[in-house]
Amino acid sequence: MLERKLSYMIISLILMLSLSLTALAADGRTPGTDSRAYANNVVEMEVGGTSNINNLPTYIIGVVDLNNIYPLSLGGGYVIVDMGANELIIDEDGDDLRVYEKDQIFYGKDAPEAYEVFVSQDMETWESLGEGKGTAEFDLADSKLNWARYVKIEDRETSTAGREPGADIDAVEALNFAEEPKSAIPVPSTPGFAVISSIIAFVALLFLEKKR
């Protein structure tokens, strides 16, 4: 009797493992483990749904954990995340950004839900990368930007009812990331810098006058 029970347990474990491997192979995507590639913090958000239990900004921050899933349910609203000054999304070959939405294909959970992704360098000018449904990838080449720091995700689901309303965003990952480009660093405008610049310019003028 004991041997039969053990046999059943072993067979069950083998079947569960096989199903897990099949699901992984069907999707083919693996979340990155480098925390630098993921969103650092929430700059701004407005989520809807009076019964929404997934409404904490921390739910969209950090790496993907498929064993401990707490997404941010937008409920018809939006969220803006900061990827970090030294962890910008950069435009390289292929897709540059992945948004993890708790869907059936990647997570084995719910039906995929729709949202639109925007990116920005300064939170003033935004470029749309298009709409996604479920866990999806986006290419910066579809915008006018070659790098971006901020990501805005707007819910495209209309219902705000239920405990997990709208698109359920688990994480935002830069598939290609790097430090902030030097061209993006503003020139200092402090009084000290202005004084030094003036002195250098004056000395240069005197040198030119002497050469004449």
N, C-alpha and C. Protein backbone atom coordinates (compact mmCIF):
# COMPACT_ATOMS: atom_id res chain seq x y z
N MET A 1 0.84 -1.22 0.00
CA MET A 1 0.00 0.00 0.00
C MET A 1 0.87 1.26 0.00
N LEU A 2 1.89 1.24 0.84
CA LEU A 2 2.80 2.39 0.93
C LEU A 2 3.54 2.59 -0.38
N GLU A 3 3.97 1.47 -0.99
CA GLU A 3 4.69 1.56 -2.26
C GLU A 3 3.80 2.14 -3.36
N ARG A 4 2.51 1.78 -3.33
CA ARG A 4 1.57 2.30 -4.33
C ARG A 4 1.40 3.80 -4.18
N LYS A 5 1.29 4.28 -2.92
CA LYS A 5 1.15 5.71 -2.66
C LYS A 5 2.38 6.48 -3.13
N LEU A 6 3.55 5.89 -2.85
CA LEU A 6 4.78 6.54 -3.28
C LEU A 6 4.86 6.63 -4.81
N SER A 7 4.41 5.57 -5.46
CA SER A 7 4.40 5.55 -6.93
C SER A 7 3.50 6.64 -7.49
N TYR A 8 2.29 6.78 -6.87
CA TYR A 8 1.36 7.81 -7.30
C TYR A 8 1.97 9.21 -7.10
N MET A 9 2.64 9.42 -5.98
CA MET A 9 3.25 10.72 -5.70
C MET A 9 4.34 11.05 -6.70
N ILE A 10 5.17 10.06 -7.03
CA ILE A 10 6.25 10.27 -7.99
C ILE A 10 5.69 10.60 -9.37
N ILE A 11 4.65 9.85 -9.77
CA ILE A 11 4.01 10.10 -11.07
C ILE A 11 3.41 11.50 -11.12
N SER A 12 2.77 11.91 -10.01
CA SER A 12 2.15 13.24 -9.95
C SER A 12 3.20 14.35 -10.07
N LEU A 13 4.32 14.16 -9.38
CA LEU A 13 5.39 15.15 -9.44
C LEU A 13 5.97 15.26 -10.85
N ILE A 14 6.13 14.12 -11.51
CA ILE A 14 6.65 14.12 -12.88
C ILE A 14 5.70 14.84 -13.81
N LEU A 15 4.38 14.60 -13.64
CA LEU A 15 3.38 15.27 -14.48
C LEU A 15 3.39 16.78 -14.25
N MET A 16 3.48 17.20 -12.97
CA MET A 16 3.51 18.63 -12.65
C MET A 16 4.73 19.30 -13.26
N LEU A 17 5.88 18.62 -13.16
CA LEU A 17 7.11 19.17 -13.72
C LEU A 17 7.01 19.28 -15.24
N SER A 18 6.43 18.28 -15.86
CA SER A 18 6.27 18.29 -17.32
C SER A 18 5.38 19.43 -17.77
N LEU A 19 4.28 19.64 -17.04
CA LEU A 19 3.37 20.72 -17.38
C LEU A 19 4.04 22.08 -17.22
N SER A 20 4.86 22.21 -16.16
CA SER A 20 5.56 23.48 -15.93
C SER A 20 6.54 23.76 -17.05
N LEU A 21 7.30 22.74 -17.46
CA LEU A 21 8.26 22.90 -18.55
C LEU A 21 7.58 23.21 -19.86
N THR A 22 6.42 22.61 -20.08
CA THR A 22 5.66 22.87 -21.31
C THR A 22 5.18 24.30 -21.36
N ALA A 23 4.68 24.80 -20.21
CA ALA A 23 4.20 26.18 -20.15
C ALA A 23 5.34 27.16 -20.39
N LEU A 24 6.54 26.86 -19.81
CA LEU A 24 7.68 27.74 -19.99
C LEU A 24 8.13 27.74 -21.45
N ALA A 25 8.16 26.55 -22.05
CA ALA A 25 8.60 26.45 -23.45
C ALA A 25 7.62 27.14 -24.38
N ALA A 26 6.32 27.12 -24.03
CA ALA A 26 5.31 27.75 -24.88
C ALA A 26 5.51 29.26 -24.94
N ASP A 27 5.95 29.86 -23.83
CA ASP A 27 6.15 31.30 -23.81
C ASP A 27 7.55 31.66 -24.30
N GLY A 28 8.55 30.98 -23.79
CA GLY A 28 9.92 31.18 -24.27
C GLY A 28 10.63 32.39 -23.72
N ARG A 29 9.97 33.21 -22.89
CA ARG A 29 10.61 34.41 -22.34
C ARG A 29 11.00 34.18 -20.88
N THR A 30 12.12 34.73 -20.50
CA THR A 30 12.60 34.60 -19.13
C THR A 30 12.82 35.98 -18.53
N PRO A 31 12.27 36.25 -17.35
CA PRO A 31 12.49 37.56 -16.72
C PRO A 31 13.95 37.75 -16.36
N GLY A 32 14.46 38.97 -16.54
CA GLY A 32 15.83 39.27 -16.14
C GLY A 32 15.95 39.28 -14.63
N THR A 33 17.15 39.00 -14.14
CA THR A 33 17.38 38.95 -12.70
C THR A 33 18.17 40.16 -12.19
N ASP A 34 18.62 41.02 -13.10
CA ASP A 34 19.39 42.21 -12.72
C ASP A 34 18.43 43.31 -12.28
N SER A 35 18.46 43.65 -11.01
CA SER A 35 17.51 44.64 -10.47
C SER A 35 17.69 46.02 -11.09
N ARG A 36 18.87 46.31 -11.64
CA ARG A 36 19.10 47.61 -12.26
C ARG A 36 18.23 47.84 -13.49
N ALA A 37 17.77 46.76 -14.10
CA ALA A 37 16.98 46.87 -15.32
C ALA A 37 15.51 47.20 -15.04
N TYR A 38 15.11 47.13 -13.79
CA TYR A 38 13.70 47.31 -13.43
C TYR A 38 13.43 48.70 -12.85
N ALA A 39 12.15 49.07 -12.84
CA ALA A 39 11.72 50.38 -12.33
C ALA A 39 12.16 50.58 -10.88
N ASN A 40 12.67 51.79 -10.59
CA ASN A 40 13.17 52.10 -9.25
C ASN A 40 12.07 52.59 -8.31
N ASN A 41 11.20 53.45 -8.82
CA ASN A 41 10.14 53.98 -7.97
C ASN A 41 8.99 54.52 -8.80
N VAL A 42 7.87 54.73 -8.13
CA VAL A 42 6.69 55.30 -8.77
C VAL A 42 6.71 56.81 -8.56
N VAL A 43 6.68 57.54 -9.67
CA VAL A 43 6.69 59.00 -9.61
C VAL A 43 5.27 59.53 -9.40
N GLU A 44 4.31 58.89 -10.08
CA GLU A 44 2.92 59.36 -10.03
C GLU A 44 2.01 58.21 -10.42
N MET A 45 0.86 58.14 -9.77
CA MET A 45 -0.10 57.12 -10.18
C MET A 45 -1.51 57.53 -9.77
N GLU A 46 -2.46 57.00 -10.52
CA GLU A 46 -3.87 57.20 -10.22
C GLU A 46 -4.61 55.93 -10.63
N VAL A 47 -4.90 55.10 -9.65
CA VAL A 47 -5.57 53.83 -9.94
C VAL A 47 -7.02 53.91 -9.47
N GLY A 48 -7.89 53.16 -10.16
CA GLY A 48 -9.31 53.19 -9.85
C GLY A 48 -9.79 51.91 -9.22
N GLY A 49 -11.10 51.90 -8.91
CA GLY A 49 -11.73 50.72 -8.34
C GLY A 49 -11.85 50.81 -6.83
N THR A 50 -13.09 50.91 -6.35
CA THR A 50 -13.31 51.04 -4.91
C THR A 50 -12.97 49.76 -4.15
N SER A 51 -12.97 48.62 -4.86
CA SER A 51 -12.64 47.34 -4.22
C SER A 51 -11.24 46.86 -4.59
N ASN A 52 -10.46 47.73 -5.19
CA ASN A 52 -9.12 47.37 -5.67
C ASN A 52 -8.20 47.01 -4.50
N ILE A 53 -7.72 45.77 -4.48
CA ILE A 53 -6.81 45.35 -3.40
C ILE A 53 -5.34 45.45 -3.84
N ASN A 54 -5.12 45.70 -5.12
CA ASN A 54 -3.75 45.82 -5.64
C ASN A 54 -3.45 47.28 -5.95
N ASN A 55 -3.36 48.10 -4.92
CA ASN A 55 -3.25 49.53 -5.15
C ASN A 55 -2.01 50.16 -4.52
N LEU A 56 -1.01 49.35 -4.16
CA LEU A 56 0.20 49.89 -3.56
C LEU A 56 1.27 50.11 -4.63
N PRO A 57 1.96 51.26 -4.61
CA PRO A 57 2.98 51.54 -5.63
C PRO A 57 4.13 50.54 -5.62
N THR A 58 4.41 49.95 -4.47
CA THR A 58 5.51 48.98 -4.39
C THR A 58 5.26 47.73 -5.22
N TYR A 59 4.01 47.48 -5.60
CA TYR A 59 3.68 46.27 -6.34
C TYR A 59 4.27 46.26 -7.75
N ILE A 60 4.65 47.42 -8.27
CA ILE A 60 5.17 47.47 -9.64
C ILE A 60 6.69 47.65 -9.65
N ILE A 61 7.30 47.77 -8.48
CA ILE A 61 8.73 48.03 -8.37
C ILE A 61 9.51 46.73 -8.22
N GLY A 62 10.71 46.70 -8.81
CA GLY A 62 11.62 45.58 -8.61
C GLY A 62 11.44 44.46 -9.61
N VAL A 63 12.20 43.38 -9.37
CA VAL A 63 12.26 42.26 -10.32
C VAL A 63 11.00 41.41 -10.26
N VAL A 64 10.82 40.62 -11.30
CA VAL A 64 9.67 39.71 -11.37
C VAL A 64 9.90 38.51 -10.46
N ASP A 65 8.88 38.19 -9.67
CA ASP A 65 8.91 37.01 -8.82
C ASP A 65 7.67 36.17 -9.14
N LEU A 66 7.85 35.12 -9.92
CA LEU A 66 6.72 34.32 -10.37
C LEU A 66 6.10 33.49 -9.25
N ASN A 67 6.78 33.42 -8.11
CA ASN A 67 6.24 32.68 -6.97
C ASN A 67 5.51 33.58 -5.97
N ASN A 68 5.65 34.89 -6.16
CA ASN A 68 5.06 35.83 -5.21
C ASN A 68 4.56 37.04 -6.00
N ILE A 69 3.40 36.88 -6.62
CA ILE A 69 2.90 37.86 -7.59
C ILE A 69 1.93 38.84 -6.92
N TYR A 70 2.35 40.11 -6.87
CA TYR A 70 1.49 41.18 -6.38
C TYR A 70 1.55 42.33 -7.38
N PRO A 71 0.70 42.31 -8.40
CA PRO A 71 0.75 43.37 -9.42
C PRO A 71 -0.01 44.62 -8.96
N LEU A 72 0.23 45.71 -9.68
CA LEU A 72 -0.53 46.93 -9.46
C LEU A 72 -1.68 46.94 -10.45
N SER A 73 -2.91 46.89 -9.95
CA SER A 73 -4.10 46.90 -10.81
C SER A 73 -4.48 48.35 -11.10
N LEU A 74 -4.48 48.73 -12.37
CA LEU A 74 -4.67 50.13 -12.73
C LEU A 74 -6.11 50.60 -12.60
N GLY A 75 -7.06 49.72 -12.81
CA GLY A 75 -8.47 50.08 -12.62
C GLY A 75 -8.91 51.27 -13.43
N GLY A 76 -8.46 51.34 -14.70
CA GLY A 76 -8.84 52.46 -15.55
C GLY A 76 -7.94 53.67 -15.41
N GLY A 77 -6.93 53.59 -14.56
CA GLY A 77 -6.04 54.72 -14.32
C GLY A 77 -4.71 54.61 -15.02
N TYR A 78 -3.66 55.11 -14.37
CA TYR A 78 -2.33 55.10 -14.97
C TYR A 78 -1.26 55.08 -13.88
N VAL A 79 -0.01 54.83 -14.29
CA VAL A 79 1.12 54.88 -13.39
C VAL A 79 2.34 55.36 -14.17
N ILE A 80 3.20 56.16 -13.52
CA ILE A 80 4.46 56.61 -14.10
C ILE A 80 5.59 56.10 -13.23
N VAL A 81 6.55 55.40 -13.83
CA VAL A 81 7.69 54.88 -13.07
C VAL A 81 8.98 55.50 -13.57
N ASP A 82 9.94 55.60 -12.66
CA ASP A 82 11.29 56.10 -12.96
C ASP A 82 12.23 54.90 -13.02
N MET A 83 12.90 54.73 -14.16
CA MET A 83 13.82 53.61 -14.31
C MET A 83 15.16 53.88 -13.63
N GLY A 84 15.48 55.16 -13.37
CA GLY A 84 16.72 55.52 -12.70
C GLY A 84 17.67 56.26 -13.63
N ALA A 85 18.44 57.21 -13.08
CA ALA A 85 19.34 58.04 -13.88
C ALA A 85 20.43 57.23 -14.56
N ASN A 86 20.91 56.20 -13.91
CA ASN A 86 21.99 55.39 -14.47
C ASN A 86 21.49 54.05 -14.99
N GLU A 87 20.18 53.96 -15.21
CA GLU A 87 19.58 52.70 -15.66
C GLU A 87 18.53 52.99 -16.73
N LEU A 88 18.91 53.82 -17.68
CA LEU A 88 17.98 54.25 -18.71
C LEU A 88 17.69 53.15 -19.73
N ILE A 89 16.51 53.23 -20.32
CA ILE A 89 16.19 52.36 -21.45
C ILE A 89 16.86 52.96 -22.67
N ILE A 90 17.62 52.17 -23.41
CA ILE A 90 18.28 52.68 -24.60
C ILE A 90 17.82 51.89 -25.83
N ASP A 91 17.87 52.55 -26.96
CA ASP A 91 17.42 51.93 -28.21
C ASP A 91 18.55 51.12 -28.83
N GLU A 92 18.37 49.83 -28.88
CA GLU A 92 19.30 48.93 -29.56
C GLU A 92 18.50 48.02 -30.48
N ASP A 93 19.16 47.06 -31.10
CA ASP A 93 18.46 46.15 -32.00
C ASP A 93 17.38 45.38 -31.25
N GLY A 94 16.21 45.28 -31.85
CA GLY A 94 15.12 44.53 -31.23
C GLY A 94 14.37 45.35 -30.20
N ASP A 95 13.58 44.68 -29.38
CA ASP A 95 12.78 45.34 -28.36
C ASP A 95 13.65 45.81 -27.20
N ASP A 96 13.25 46.92 -26.58
CA ASP A 96 14.05 47.53 -25.52
C ASP A 96 13.36 47.55 -24.17
N LEU A 97 12.07 47.28 -24.15
CA LEU A 97 11.29 47.40 -22.91
C LEU A 97 10.27 46.28 -22.82
N ARG A 98 10.10 45.72 -21.63
CA ARG A 98 9.07 44.70 -21.43
C ARG A 98 8.19 45.10 -20.25
N VAL A 99 6.90 45.04 -20.45
CA VAL A 99 5.92 45.30 -19.40
C VAL A 99 5.29 43.96 -19.02
N TYR A 100 5.37 43.63 -17.75
CA TYR A 100 4.83 42.36 -17.26
C TYR A 100 3.41 42.57 -16.74
N GLU A 101 2.44 42.05 -17.49
CA GLU A 101 1.04 42.10 -17.07
C GLU A 101 0.60 40.68 -16.72
N LYS A 102 -0.05 40.51 -15.58
CA LYS A 102 -0.38 39.17 -15.07
C LYS A 102 -1.39 38.47 -15.97
N ASP A 103 -0.86 37.80 -17.00
CA ASP A 103 -1.72 37.19 -18.01
C ASP A 103 -1.66 35.66 -17.95
N GLN A 104 -2.42 35.05 -18.82
CA GLN A 104 -2.50 33.59 -18.88
C GLN A 104 -1.25 32.98 -19.49
N ILE A 105 -0.69 33.63 -20.52
CA ILE A 105 0.43 33.04 -21.25
C ILE A 105 1.71 33.04 -20.42
N PHE A 106 2.08 34.18 -19.86
CA PHE A 106 3.34 34.27 -19.14
C PHE A 106 3.22 33.79 -17.69
N TYR A 107 2.15 34.21 -17.01
CA TYR A 107 1.99 33.89 -15.59
C TYR A 107 1.11 32.66 -15.35
N GLY A 108 0.32 32.28 -16.36
CA GLY A 108 -0.62 31.19 -16.16
C GLY A 108 -1.75 31.58 -15.24
N LYS A 109 -2.13 32.86 -15.25
CA LYS A 109 -3.15 33.37 -14.32
C LYS A 109 -4.42 33.82 -15.04
N ASP A 110 -4.49 35.11 -15.38
CA ASP A 110 -5.73 35.72 -15.88
C ASP A 110 -5.68 35.96 -17.39
N ALA A 111 -6.82 36.34 -17.92
CA ALA A 111 -6.89 36.74 -19.33
C ALA A 111 -6.06 38.01 -19.51
N PRO A 112 -5.31 38.14 -20.61
CA PRO A 112 -4.50 39.34 -20.83
C PRO A 112 -5.36 40.58 -20.96
N GLU A 113 -4.87 41.69 -20.40
CA GLU A 113 -5.63 42.94 -20.43
C GLU A 113 -4.80 44.03 -21.10
N ALA A 114 -5.50 45.01 -21.68
CA ALA A 114 -4.87 46.00 -22.55
C ALA A 114 -4.43 47.25 -21.80
N TYR A 115 -3.35 47.85 -22.32
CA TYR A 115 -2.80 49.09 -21.77
C TYR A 115 -1.97 49.75 -22.86
N GLU A 116 -1.65 51.05 -22.69
CA GLU A 116 -0.79 51.75 -23.63
C GLU A 116 0.45 52.26 -22.90
N VAL A 117 1.59 52.19 -23.58
CA VAL A 117 2.87 52.56 -22.97
C VAL A 117 3.41 53.84 -23.61
N PHE A 118 3.84 54.78 -22.75
CA PHE A 118 4.48 56.01 -23.19
C PHE A 118 5.86 56.11 -22.51
N VAL A 119 6.80 56.77 -23.18
CA VAL A 119 8.12 56.97 -22.58
C VAL A 119 8.52 58.44 -22.69
N SER A 120 9.41 58.84 -21.78
CA SER A 120 9.83 60.24 -21.75
C SER A 120 11.24 60.35 -21.18
N GLN A 121 11.91 61.45 -21.55
CA GLN A 121 13.23 61.74 -20.98
C GLN A 121 13.12 62.74 -19.83
N ASP A 122 12.03 63.52 -19.81
CA ASP A 122 11.93 64.61 -18.83
C ASP A 122 10.56 64.71 -18.15
N MET A 123 9.65 63.79 -18.42
CA MET A 123 8.29 63.80 -17.87
C MET A 123 7.44 64.97 -18.39
N GLU A 124 7.91 65.63 -19.44
CA GLU A 124 7.15 66.70 -20.05
C GLU A 124 6.67 66.31 -21.45
N THR A 125 7.58 65.76 -22.22
CA THR A 125 7.25 65.30 -23.57
C THR A 125 7.18 63.78 -23.57
N TRP A 126 6.03 63.25 -24.02
CA TRP A 126 5.83 61.80 -23.99
C TRP A 126 5.67 61.26 -25.40
N GLU A 127 6.22 60.08 -25.62
CA GLU A 127 6.10 59.38 -26.90
C GLU A 127 5.42 58.03 -26.67
N SER A 128 4.41 57.73 -27.46
CA SER A 128 3.71 56.45 -27.33
C SER A 128 4.50 55.35 -28.03
N LEU A 129 4.59 54.20 -27.36
CA LEU A 129 5.19 53.01 -27.97
C LEU A 129 4.12 52.03 -28.43
N GLY A 130 2.85 52.44 -28.28
CA GLY A 130 1.75 51.60 -28.72
C GLY A 130 1.08 50.85 -27.58
N GLU A 131 0.09 50.06 -27.94
CA GLU A 131 -0.66 49.31 -26.94
C GLU A 131 -0.12 47.89 -26.80
N GLY A 132 -0.27 47.35 -25.60
CA GLY A 132 0.10 45.98 -25.33
C GLY A 132 -1.07 45.26 -24.68
N LYS A 133 -1.01 43.95 -24.69
CA LYS A 133 -2.04 43.15 -24.05
C LYS A 133 -1.36 41.95 -23.42
N GLY A 134 -1.45 41.84 -22.09
CA GLY A 134 -0.67 40.83 -21.40
C GLY A 134 0.78 41.27 -21.32
N THR A 135 1.68 40.37 -21.01
CA THR A 135 3.11 40.68 -20.97
C THR A 135 3.59 40.92 -22.40
N ALA A 136 4.16 42.11 -22.63
CA ALA A 136 4.50 42.50 -24.01
C ALA A 136 5.80 43.29 -24.06
N GLU A 137 6.43 43.30 -25.25
CA GLU A 137 7.66 44.03 -25.47
C GLU A 137 7.42 45.25 -26.35
N PHE A 138 8.28 46.25 -26.19
CA PHE A 138 8.16 47.49 -26.94
C PHE A 138 9.54 47.95 -27.40
N ASP A 139 9.57 48.66 -28.53
CA ASP A 139 10.82 49.10 -29.15
C ASP A 139 10.87 50.62 -29.16
N LEU A 140 11.95 51.19 -28.61
CA LEU A 140 12.10 52.65 -28.62
C LEU A 140 12.18 53.21 -30.03
N ALA A 141 12.54 52.37 -30.99
CA ALA A 141 12.61 52.81 -32.38
C ALA A 141 11.24 53.25 -32.90
N ASP A 142 10.17 52.85 -32.20
CA ASP A 142 8.83 53.27 -32.59
C ASP A 142 8.51 54.68 -32.11
N SER A 143 9.46 55.31 -31.43
CA SER A 143 9.28 56.69 -30.97
C SER A 143 10.38 57.56 -31.58
N LYS A 144 10.43 58.82 -31.15
CA LYS A 144 11.47 59.74 -31.62
C LYS A 144 12.68 59.74 -30.69
N LEU A 145 12.66 58.88 -29.69
CA LEU A 145 13.71 58.89 -28.67
C LEU A 145 14.70 57.74 -28.87
N ASN A 146 15.97 58.00 -28.54
CA ASN A 146 16.96 56.91 -28.55
C ASN A 146 17.29 56.44 -27.13
N TRP A 147 16.72 57.12 -26.14
CA TRP A 147 16.78 56.67 -24.76
C TRP A 147 15.60 57.26 -23.99
N ALA A 148 15.26 56.65 -22.89
CA ALA A 148 14.15 57.14 -22.06
C ALA A 148 14.39 56.76 -20.61
N ARG A 149 13.89 57.60 -19.73
CA ARG A 149 14.04 57.34 -18.28
C ARG A 149 12.70 57.00 -17.62
N TYR A 150 11.63 57.62 -18.10
CA TYR A 150 10.32 57.46 -17.47
C TYR A 150 9.38 56.65 -18.35
N VAL A 151 8.58 55.82 -17.72
CA VAL A 151 7.60 55.01 -18.44
C VAL A 151 6.21 55.27 -17.83
N LYS A 152 5.27 55.59 -18.70
CA LYS A 152 3.89 55.80 -18.28
C LYS A 152 3.02 54.70 -18.88
N ILE A 153 2.22 54.06 -18.04
CA ILE A 153 1.34 52.99 -18.50
C ILE A 153 -0.10 53.40 -18.20
N GLU A 154 -0.90 53.53 -19.26
CA GLU A 154 -2.31 53.90 -19.12
C GLU A 154 -3.19 52.68 -19.37
N ASP A 155 -4.13 52.46 -18.48
CA ASP A 155 -5.05 51.33 -18.62
C ASP A 155 -5.97 51.56 -19.81
N ARG A 156 -6.18 50.51 -20.59
CA ARG A 156 -7.13 50.57 -21.70
C ARG A 156 -8.35 49.68 -21.44
N GLU A 157 -8.43 49.14 -20.24
CA GLU A 157 -9.62 48.39 -19.82
C GLU A 157 -10.60 49.39 -19.21
N THR A 158 -11.87 49.21 -19.49
CA THR A 158 -12.87 50.20 -19.05
C THR A 158 -13.53 49.86 -17.72
N SER A 159 -13.51 48.58 -17.33
CA SER A 159 -14.18 48.18 -16.09
C SER A 159 -13.29 48.45 -14.88
N THR A 160 -13.87 49.06 -13.84
CA THR A 160 -13.15 49.29 -12.59
C THR A 160 -13.75 48.48 -11.45
N ALA A 161 -14.59 47.51 -11.79
CA ALA A 161 -15.21 46.68 -10.76
C ALA A 161 -14.30 45.52 -10.39
N GLY A 162 -14.54 44.97 -9.21
CA GLY A 162 -13.79 43.80 -8.78
C GLY A 162 -12.58 44.15 -7.93
N ARG A 163 -11.93 43.10 -7.42
CA ARG A 163 -10.80 43.27 -6.52
C ARG A 163 -9.48 43.51 -7.26
N GLU A 164 -9.42 43.17 -8.55
CA GLU A 164 -8.22 43.40 -9.36
C GLU A 164 -8.64 44.02 -10.69
N PRO A 165 -9.13 45.26 -10.67
CA PRO A 165 -9.69 45.86 -11.89
C PRO A 165 -8.62 46.34 -12.86
N GLY A 166 -8.93 46.21 -14.15
CA GLY A 166 -8.05 46.72 -15.18
C GLY A 166 -6.80 45.88 -15.38
N ALA A 167 -5.85 46.45 -16.13
CA ALA A 167 -4.57 45.77 -16.38
C ALA A 167 -3.80 45.63 -15.07
N ASP A 168 -3.22 44.46 -14.85
CA ASP A 168 -2.49 44.17 -13.61
C ASP A 168 -1.00 44.15 -13.92
N ILE A 169 -0.30 45.25 -13.66
CA ILE A 169 1.10 45.41 -14.03
C ILE A 169 2.00 44.96 -12.88
N ASP A 170 2.80 43.96 -13.15
CA ASP A 170 3.67 43.38 -12.12
C ASP A 170 5.05 44.04 -12.09
N ALA A 171 5.58 44.39 -13.26
CA ALA A 171 6.93 44.96 -13.32
C ALA A 171 7.17 45.61 -14.67
N VAL A 172 8.21 46.47 -14.71
CA VAL A 172 8.65 47.12 -15.93
C VAL A 172 10.15 46.89 -16.05
N GLU A 173 10.59 46.27 -17.14
CA GLU A 173 12.00 45.91 -17.30
C GLU A 173 12.59 46.52 -18.57
N ALA A 174 13.75 47.15 -18.44
CA ALA A 174 14.50 47.61 -19.61
C ALA A 174 15.32 46.44 -20.13
N LEU A 175 15.00 45.99 -21.33
CA LEU A 175 15.74 44.88 -21.94
C LEU A 175 17.13 45.35 -22.38
N ASN A 176 17.25 46.65 -22.66
CA ASN A 176 18.54 47.28 -22.95
C ASN A 176 18.65 48.52 -22.08
N PHE A 177 19.65 48.57 -21.21
CA PHE A 177 19.77 49.74 -20.34
C PHE A 177 21.23 50.17 -20.21
N ALA A 178 21.42 51.45 -19.87
CA ALA A 178 22.77 52.00 -19.74
C ALA A 178 22.71 53.27 -18.91
N GLU A 179 23.89 53.87 -18.68
CA GLU A 179 23.95 55.11 -17.93
C GLU A 179 23.42 56.26 -18.77
N GLU A 180 23.11 57.34 -18.08
CA GLU A 180 22.56 58.52 -18.76
C GLU A 180 23.57 59.08 -19.75
N PRO A 181 23.17 59.33 -20.98
CA PRO A 181 24.10 59.87 -21.98
C PRO A 181 24.65 61.23 -21.55
N LYS A 182 25.90 61.52 -21.90
CA LYS A 182 26.51 62.79 -21.52
C LYS A 182 25.75 63.96 -22.11
N SER A 183 25.16 63.76 -23.28
CA SER A 183 24.41 64.83 -23.93
C SER A 183 23.17 65.21 -23.13
N ALA A 184 22.74 64.32 -22.23
CA ALA A 184 21.53 64.58 -21.44
C ALA A 184 21.85 65.32 -20.15
N ILE A 185 23.14 65.42 -19.79
CA ILE A 185 23.51 66.09 -18.54
C ILE A 185 23.57 67.59 -18.77
N PRO A 186 22.78 68.39 -18.03
CA PRO A 186 22.76 69.83 -18.26
C PRO A 186 24.08 70.50 -17.87
N VAL A 187 24.45 71.56 -18.59
CA VAL A 187 25.64 72.34 -18.26
C VAL A 187 25.36 73.12 -16.98
N PRO A 188 26.28 73.10 -16.01
CA PRO A 188 26.03 73.81 -14.75
C PRO A 188 25.78 75.28 -14.99
N SER A 189 24.87 75.86 -14.23
CA SER A 189 24.52 77.27 -14.40
C SER A 189 24.69 78.02 -13.09
N THR A 190 25.57 77.55 -12.23
CA THR A 190 25.80 78.21 -10.94
C THR A 190 26.61 79.48 -11.15
N PRO A 191 26.56 80.45 -10.20
CA PRO A 191 27.34 81.68 -10.32
C PRO A 191 28.83 81.40 -10.45
N GLY A 192 29.34 80.44 -9.70
CA GLY A 192 30.76 80.11 -9.74
C GLY A 192 31.17 79.67 -11.13
N PHE A 193 30.34 78.86 -11.74
CA PHE A 193 30.65 78.38 -13.09
C PHE A 193 30.65 79.56 -14.07
N ALA A 194 29.72 80.48 -13.91
CA ALA A 194 29.63 81.64 -14.81
C ALA A 194 30.87 82.52 -14.66
N VAL A 195 31.32 82.72 -13.43
CA VAL A 195 32.50 83.55 -13.18
C VAL A 195 33.74 82.94 -13.83
N ILE A 196 33.93 81.63 -13.60
CA ILE A 196 35.08 80.93 -14.17
C ILE A 196 35.06 81.01 -15.69
N SER A 197 33.88 80.81 -16.28
CA SER A 197 33.74 80.88 -17.73
C SER A 197 34.12 82.27 -18.25
N SER A 198 33.71 83.31 -17.52
CA SER A 198 34.01 84.69 -17.93
C SER A 198 35.51 84.95 -17.89
N ILE A 199 36.17 84.47 -16.83
CA ILE A 199 37.62 84.67 -16.69
C ILE A 199 38.36 83.99 -17.83
N ILE A 200 37.95 82.74 -18.13
CA ILE A 200 38.59 82.01 -19.22
C ILE A 200 38.41 82.75 -20.54
N ALA A 201 37.21 83.25 -20.77
CA ALA A 201 36.93 83.98 -22.01
C ALA A 201 37.76 85.25 -22.09
N PHE A 202 37.92 85.99 -20.95
CA PHE A 202 38.70 87.23 -20.91
C PHE A 202 40.17 86.97 -21.21
N VAL A 203 40.72 85.92 -20.58
CA VAL A 203 42.12 85.55 -20.81
C VAL A 203 42.35 85.19 -22.27
N ALA A 204 41.39 84.45 -22.85
CA ALA A 204 41.50 84.06 -24.25
C ALA A 204 41.52 85.29 -25.16
N LEU A 205 40.70 86.30 -24.85
CA LEU A 205 40.67 87.53 -25.64
C LEU A 205 41.99 88.29 -25.56
N LEU A 206 42.58 88.36 -24.32
CA LEU A 206 43.87 89.03 -24.15
C LEU A 206 44.95 88.32 -24.97
N PHE A 207 44.93 87.01 -24.96
CA PHE A 207 45.91 86.21 -25.72
C PHE A 207 45.81 86.50 -27.21
N LEU A 208 44.58 86.59 -27.69
CA LEU A 208 44.37 86.87 -29.12
C LEU A 208 44.84 88.29 -29.48
N GLU A 209 44.59 89.24 -28.56
CA GLU A 209 45.01 90.62 -28.81
C GLU A 209 46.53 90.71 -28.90
N LYS A 210 47.25 89.99 -28.03
CA LYS A 210 48.71 89.98 -28.03
C LYS A 210 49.25 89.40 -29.33
N LYS A 211 48.60 88.36 -29.84
CA LYS A 211 49.06 87.72 -31.06
C LYS A 211 48.94 88.66 -32.26
N ARG A 212 47.96 89.58 -32.18
CA ARG A 212 47.79 90.54 -33.26
C ARG A 212 48.93 91.54 -33.27
